[in-house]
Amino acid sequence: MHEVSIMESTMNIISEKARENDLKVISKITIKIGELSGVMPDALTFAFNSLSRGTIAEGAEFLIERVDATAMCDECGIIFEIDHFNKLCPKCNKFSANILSGYELYVNTIEGE
């Protein structure tokens, strides 16, 4: 379950940004997770609930925004949705290695006072 180590790193980022911005309480955290990242949102939420206890983020709203996986066809230039197993352009049926999104994993916003 690598989500625990991901959340440990995330909690370090949150704590560092809270110190930099003189925040005493974190009320909301938004994470972006790409469809192809391999991160399980439920496991990440569970890790957050466990690791935030006793921190300035305890009780904070924890939101996960999913990012669709997309690619751009090198042949015809269209942008289309992909998954782990299918990266074929729906227009010309050529394989695309030009992945535009889907591997994201980052803290998008931190709100607090």
N, C-alpha and C. Protein backbone atom coordinates (compact mmCIF):
# COMPACT_ATOMS: atom_id res chain seq x y z
N MET A 1 0.85 -1.18 0.00
CA MET A 1 0.00 0.00 0.00
C MET A 1 0.90 1.24 0.00
N HIS A 2 1.27 1.69 -1.18
CA HIS A 2 2.15 2.86 -1.28
C HIS A 2 1.42 4.16 -1.00
N GLU A 3 0.09 4.11 -0.87
CA GLU A 3 -0.68 5.32 -0.57
C GLU A 3 -0.29 5.91 0.78
N VAL A 4 0.11 5.07 1.73
CA VAL A 4 0.52 5.58 3.04
C VAL A 4 1.78 6.43 2.90
N SER A 5 2.76 5.95 2.15
CA SER A 5 3.99 6.75 1.97
C SER A 5 3.71 8.00 1.14
N ILE A 6 2.80 7.91 0.19
CA ILE A 6 2.40 9.10 -0.58
C ILE A 6 1.78 10.12 0.36
N MET A 7 0.91 9.65 1.26
CA MET A 7 0.25 10.57 2.18
C MET A 7 1.22 11.12 3.21
N GLU A 8 2.21 10.36 3.61
CA GLU A 8 3.24 10.89 4.53
C GLU A 8 3.96 12.06 3.87
N SER A 9 4.32 11.89 2.60
CA SER A 9 4.98 12.99 1.87
C SER A 9 4.03 14.17 1.70
N THR A 10 2.77 13.88 1.43
CA THR A 10 1.77 14.94 1.28
C THR A 10 1.60 15.71 2.58
N MET A 11 1.56 15.01 3.70
CA MET A 11 1.43 15.69 4.99
C MET A 11 2.64 16.57 5.27
N ASN A 12 3.82 16.14 4.85
CA ASN A 12 5.03 16.98 4.99
C ASN A 12 4.90 18.24 4.16
N ILE A 13 4.40 18.12 2.93
CA ILE A 13 4.19 19.29 2.07
C ILE A 13 3.18 20.23 2.70
N ILE A 14 2.08 19.68 3.19
CA ILE A 14 1.03 20.49 3.81
C ILE A 14 1.58 21.24 5.03
N SER A 15 2.33 20.55 5.87
CA SER A 15 2.91 21.19 7.06
C SER A 15 3.88 22.30 6.68
N GLU A 16 4.71 22.03 5.67
CA GLU A 16 5.68 23.03 5.23
C GLU A 16 4.97 24.27 4.67
N LYS A 17 3.96 24.07 3.84
CA LYS A 17 3.23 25.21 3.26
C LYS A 17 2.45 25.98 4.33
N ALA A 18 1.93 25.25 5.33
CA ALA A 18 1.22 25.91 6.42
C ALA A 18 2.17 26.81 7.21
N ARG A 19 3.38 26.32 7.47
CA ARG A 19 4.39 27.15 8.17
C ARG A 19 4.75 28.37 7.34
N GLU A 20 4.99 28.16 6.05
CA GLU A 20 5.37 29.27 5.16
C GLU A 20 4.30 30.36 5.12
N ASN A 21 3.04 29.95 5.25
CA ASN A 21 1.92 30.90 5.14
C ASN A 21 1.27 31.23 6.48
N ASP A 22 1.95 30.84 7.56
CA ASP A 22 1.49 31.12 8.93
C ASP A 22 0.06 30.65 9.17
N LEU A 23 -0.27 29.44 8.69
CA LEU A 23 -1.59 28.86 8.91
C LEU A 23 -1.56 28.04 10.20
N LYS A 24 -2.59 28.20 11.01
CA LYS A 24 -2.69 27.46 12.27
C LYS A 24 -3.61 26.25 12.13
N VAL A 25 -4.56 26.33 11.21
CA VAL A 25 -5.52 25.25 10.98
C VAL A 25 -5.72 25.09 9.47
N ILE A 26 -5.70 23.85 9.02
CA ILE A 26 -6.00 23.54 7.61
C ILE A 26 -7.45 23.09 7.55
N SER A 27 -8.24 23.72 6.67
CA SER A 27 -9.66 23.38 6.57
C SER A 27 -9.99 22.55 5.34
N LYS A 28 -9.16 22.63 4.30
CA LYS A 28 -9.48 21.92 3.06
C LYS A 28 -8.20 21.63 2.27
N ILE A 29 -8.11 20.42 1.76
CA ILE A 29 -6.97 20.00 0.94
C ILE A 29 -7.53 19.35 -0.32
N THR A 30 -6.99 19.74 -1.46
CA THR A 30 -7.40 19.13 -2.72
C THR A 30 -6.18 18.51 -3.39
N ILE A 31 -6.31 17.25 -3.74
CA ILE A 31 -5.25 16.49 -4.40
C ILE A 31 -5.72 16.15 -5.82
N LYS A 32 -4.82 16.23 -6.78
CA LYS A 32 -5.12 15.79 -8.15
C LYS A 32 -4.44 14.45 -8.38
N ILE A 33 -5.23 13.50 -8.88
CA ILE A 33 -4.71 12.16 -9.14
C ILE A 33 -5.07 11.76 -10.57
N GLY A 34 -4.07 11.45 -11.36
CA GLY A 34 -4.29 11.00 -12.73
C GLY A 34 -4.77 9.57 -12.77
N GLU A 35 -5.59 9.29 -13.75
CA GLU A 35 -6.18 7.97 -13.96
C GLU A 35 -5.13 6.86 -14.08
N LEU A 36 -3.95 7.20 -14.59
CA LEU A 36 -2.90 6.22 -14.82
C LEU A 36 -1.86 6.17 -13.71
N SER A 37 -2.07 6.94 -12.65
CA SER A 37 -1.06 7.05 -11.59
C SER A 37 -0.91 5.79 -10.75
N GLY A 38 -1.93 4.95 -10.74
CA GLY A 38 -1.87 3.74 -9.93
C GLY A 38 -2.22 3.96 -8.47
N VAL A 39 -2.68 5.17 -8.12
CA VAL A 39 -3.03 5.49 -6.75
C VAL A 39 -4.52 5.20 -6.54
N MET A 40 -4.83 4.51 -5.46
CA MET A 40 -6.21 4.19 -5.13
C MET A 40 -6.78 5.29 -4.23
N PRO A 41 -7.77 6.04 -4.73
CA PRO A 41 -8.33 7.15 -3.95
C PRO A 41 -8.83 6.75 -2.56
N ASP A 42 -9.50 5.61 -2.45
CA ASP A 42 -10.02 5.19 -1.15
C ASP A 42 -8.89 4.93 -0.15
N ALA A 43 -7.82 4.31 -0.62
CA ALA A 43 -6.68 4.04 0.25
C ALA A 43 -5.99 5.34 0.65
N LEU A 44 -5.94 6.31 -0.28
CA LEU A 44 -5.33 7.60 0.03
C LEU A 44 -6.16 8.36 1.07
N THR A 45 -7.47 8.30 0.93
CA THR A 45 -8.36 8.94 1.91
C THR A 45 -8.22 8.29 3.28
N PHE A 46 -8.14 6.97 3.31
CA PHE A 46 -7.93 6.25 4.57
C PHE A 46 -6.61 6.68 5.21
N ALA A 47 -5.56 6.76 4.42
CA ALA A 47 -4.24 7.18 4.94
C ALA A 47 -4.31 8.61 5.46
N PHE A 48 -5.01 9.50 4.75
CA PHE A 48 -5.15 10.87 5.22
C PHE A 48 -5.85 10.92 6.58
N ASN A 49 -6.96 10.20 6.68
CA ASN A 49 -7.71 10.20 7.94
C ASN A 49 -6.86 9.69 9.10
N SER A 50 -6.01 8.74 8.85
CA SER A 50 -5.15 8.20 9.90
C SER A 50 -3.99 9.15 10.23
N LEU A 51 -3.32 9.63 9.19
CA LEU A 51 -2.11 10.43 9.40
C LEU A 51 -2.39 11.88 9.81
N SER A 52 -3.59 12.36 9.57
CA SER A 52 -3.89 13.76 9.93
C SER A 52 -4.27 13.92 11.39
N ARG A 53 -4.55 12.80 12.08
CA ARG A 53 -4.91 12.89 13.50
C ARG A 53 -3.79 13.56 14.30
N GLY A 54 -4.18 14.54 15.08
CA GLY A 54 -3.21 15.23 15.92
C GLY A 54 -2.38 16.27 15.19
N THR A 55 -2.72 16.57 13.93
CA THR A 55 -1.99 17.58 13.16
C THR A 55 -2.91 18.77 12.89
N ILE A 56 -2.37 19.81 12.30
CA ILE A 56 -3.21 20.98 11.96
C ILE A 56 -4.20 20.66 10.85
N ALA A 57 -4.06 19.51 10.21
CA ALA A 57 -4.99 19.10 9.15
C ALA A 57 -6.09 18.17 9.65
N GLU A 58 -6.08 17.86 10.95
CA GLU A 58 -7.11 16.97 11.47
C GLU A 58 -8.49 17.60 11.26
N GLY A 59 -9.41 16.82 10.70
CA GLY A 59 -10.76 17.30 10.44
C GLY A 59 -10.92 18.09 9.15
N ALA A 60 -9.83 18.28 8.43
CA ALA A 60 -9.91 19.03 7.18
C ALA A 60 -10.70 18.25 6.13
N GLU A 61 -11.37 18.98 5.27
CA GLU A 61 -12.04 18.36 4.13
C GLU A 61 -10.95 17.90 3.16
N PHE A 62 -11.01 16.66 2.76
CA PHE A 62 -9.99 16.08 1.88
C PHE A 62 -10.65 15.70 0.56
N LEU A 63 -10.32 16.42 -0.49
CA LEU A 63 -10.94 16.19 -1.80
C LEU A 63 -9.93 15.64 -2.79
N ILE A 64 -10.39 14.72 -3.60
CA ILE A 64 -9.57 14.15 -4.65
C ILE A 64 -10.21 14.48 -5.99
N GLU A 65 -9.45 15.13 -6.85
CA GLU A 65 -9.91 15.43 -8.21
C GLU A 65 -9.22 14.46 -9.16
N ARG A 66 -10.01 13.68 -9.87
CA ARG A 66 -9.47 12.73 -10.83
C ARG A 66 -9.16 13.45 -12.14
N VAL A 67 -8.04 13.08 -12.75
CA VAL A 67 -7.63 13.66 -14.03
C VAL A 67 -7.70 12.55 -15.07
N ASP A 68 -8.49 12.79 -16.11
CA ASP A 68 -8.62 11.81 -17.18
C ASP A 68 -7.30 11.63 -17.91
N ALA A 69 -7.09 10.43 -18.40
CA ALA A 69 -5.89 10.13 -19.18
C ALA A 69 -6.18 10.48 -20.65
N THR A 70 -5.32 11.31 -21.23
CA THR A 70 -5.48 11.69 -22.63
C THR A 70 -4.15 11.61 -23.37
N ALA A 71 -4.27 11.47 -24.67
CA ALA A 71 -3.09 11.46 -25.54
C ALA A 71 -3.41 12.27 -26.78
N MET A 72 -2.36 12.64 -27.51
CA MET A 72 -2.54 13.33 -28.78
C MET A 72 -1.93 12.46 -29.87
N CYS A 73 -2.70 12.26 -30.91
CA CYS A 73 -2.25 11.44 -32.02
C CYS A 73 -1.17 12.18 -32.82
N ASP A 74 -0.05 11.51 -33.05
CA ASP A 74 1.04 12.09 -33.84
C ASP A 74 0.69 12.15 -35.33
N GLU A 75 -0.24 11.31 -35.75
CA GLU A 75 -0.63 11.26 -37.17
C GLU A 75 -1.65 12.33 -37.53
N CYS A 76 -2.78 12.36 -36.78
CA CYS A 76 -3.87 13.26 -37.17
C CYS A 76 -4.08 14.43 -36.21
N GLY A 77 -3.36 14.43 -35.08
CA GLY A 77 -3.37 15.57 -34.17
C GLY A 77 -4.55 15.69 -33.23
N ILE A 78 -5.45 14.71 -33.20
CA ILE A 78 -6.57 14.85 -32.28
C ILE A 78 -6.16 14.42 -30.87
N ILE A 79 -6.85 14.95 -29.89
CA ILE A 79 -6.66 14.58 -28.50
C ILE A 79 -7.79 13.64 -28.12
N PHE A 80 -7.44 12.52 -27.47
CA PHE A 80 -8.45 11.51 -27.15
C PHE A 80 -8.14 10.86 -25.81
N GLU A 81 -9.18 10.27 -25.20
CA GLU A 81 -9.00 9.58 -23.93
C GLU A 81 -8.36 8.22 -24.15
N ILE A 82 -7.52 7.84 -23.19
CA ILE A 82 -6.82 6.56 -23.26
C ILE A 82 -7.01 5.83 -21.93
N ASP A 83 -6.53 4.60 -21.88
CA ASP A 83 -6.44 3.87 -20.62
C ASP A 83 -5.13 3.09 -20.63
N HIS A 84 -4.93 2.26 -19.61
CA HIS A 84 -3.66 1.51 -19.51
C HIS A 84 -3.41 0.64 -20.74
N PHE A 85 -4.47 0.11 -21.31
CA PHE A 85 -4.31 -0.89 -22.35
C PHE A 85 -4.60 -0.40 -23.76
N ASN A 86 -5.26 0.73 -23.90
CA ASN A 86 -5.64 1.21 -25.22
C ASN A 86 -5.17 2.64 -25.44
N LYS A 87 -4.19 2.77 -26.29
CA LYS A 87 -3.67 4.09 -26.65
C LYS A 87 -3.76 4.30 -28.16
N LEU A 88 -4.78 3.69 -28.77
CA LEU A 88 -4.99 3.80 -30.21
C LEU A 88 -5.90 4.98 -30.51
N CYS A 89 -5.52 5.76 -31.49
CA CYS A 89 -6.33 6.90 -31.92
C CYS A 89 -7.66 6.39 -32.48
N PRO A 90 -8.76 6.95 -32.02
CA PRO A 90 -10.05 6.50 -32.53
C PRO A 90 -10.33 6.94 -33.97
N LYS A 91 -9.56 7.90 -34.47
CA LYS A 91 -9.79 8.39 -35.83
C LYS A 91 -8.96 7.60 -36.85
N CYS A 92 -7.66 7.44 -36.59
CA CYS A 92 -6.79 6.80 -37.59
C CYS A 92 -6.25 5.44 -37.14
N ASN A 93 -6.56 5.06 -35.89
CA ASN A 93 -6.19 3.75 -35.34
C ASN A 93 -4.68 3.56 -35.18
N LYS A 94 -3.92 4.66 -35.07
CA LYS A 94 -2.48 4.59 -34.83
C LYS A 94 -2.21 4.68 -33.33
N PHE A 95 -1.17 3.97 -32.88
CA PHE A 95 -0.76 4.01 -31.48
C PHE A 95 -0.13 5.36 -31.17
N SER A 96 -0.46 5.90 -30.00
CA SER A 96 0.13 7.18 -29.59
C SER A 96 0.88 7.02 -28.28
N ALA A 97 2.13 7.45 -28.28
CA ALA A 97 2.93 7.50 -27.06
C ALA A 97 2.98 8.92 -26.51
N ASN A 98 2.26 9.84 -27.16
CA ASN A 98 2.24 11.25 -26.78
C ASN A 98 1.15 11.47 -25.72
N ILE A 99 1.43 11.05 -24.48
CA ILE A 99 0.45 11.13 -23.40
C ILE A 99 0.47 12.54 -22.82
N LEU A 100 -0.70 13.15 -22.75
CA LEU A 100 -0.82 14.52 -22.26
C LEU A 100 -1.18 14.60 -20.78
N SER A 101 -2.00 13.68 -20.33
CA SER A 101 -2.42 13.71 -18.92
C SER A 101 -2.78 12.31 -18.46
N GLY A 102 -2.81 12.16 -17.14
CA GLY A 102 -3.20 10.88 -16.57
C GLY A 102 -2.24 10.37 -15.51
N TYR A 103 -1.03 10.94 -15.45
CA TYR A 103 -0.04 10.49 -14.47
C TYR A 103 0.12 11.48 -13.31
N GLU A 104 -0.74 12.49 -13.24
CA GLU A 104 -0.63 13.52 -12.20
C GLU A 104 -0.80 12.93 -10.81
N LEU A 105 -0.09 13.52 -9.87
CA LEU A 105 -0.26 13.21 -8.45
C LEU A 105 0.37 14.37 -7.68
N TYR A 106 -0.47 15.32 -7.26
CA TYR A 106 0.08 16.48 -6.55
C TYR A 106 -0.99 17.17 -5.69
N VAL A 107 -0.50 17.93 -4.72
CA VAL A 107 -1.38 18.76 -3.89
C VAL A 107 -1.75 19.97 -4.74
N ASN A 108 -3.03 20.13 -4.98
CA ASN A 108 -3.50 21.23 -5.82
C ASN A 108 -3.78 22.48 -4.99
N THR A 109 -4.52 22.33 -3.88
CA THR A 109 -4.82 23.48 -3.04
C THR A 109 -4.79 23.10 -1.57
N ILE A 110 -4.45 24.08 -0.75
CA ILE A 110 -4.51 23.96 0.70
C ILE A 110 -5.20 25.23 1.20
N GLU A 111 -6.26 25.05 1.98
CA GLU A 111 -6.98 26.19 2.54
C GLU A 111 -6.92 26.13 4.05
N GLY A 112 -6.80 27.26 4.67
CA GLY A 112 -6.79 27.31 6.13
C GLY A 112 -6.73 28.74 6.63
N GLU A 113 -6.53 28.85 7.92
CA GLU A 113 -6.44 30.20 8.52
C GLU A 113 -5.36 30.22 9.59
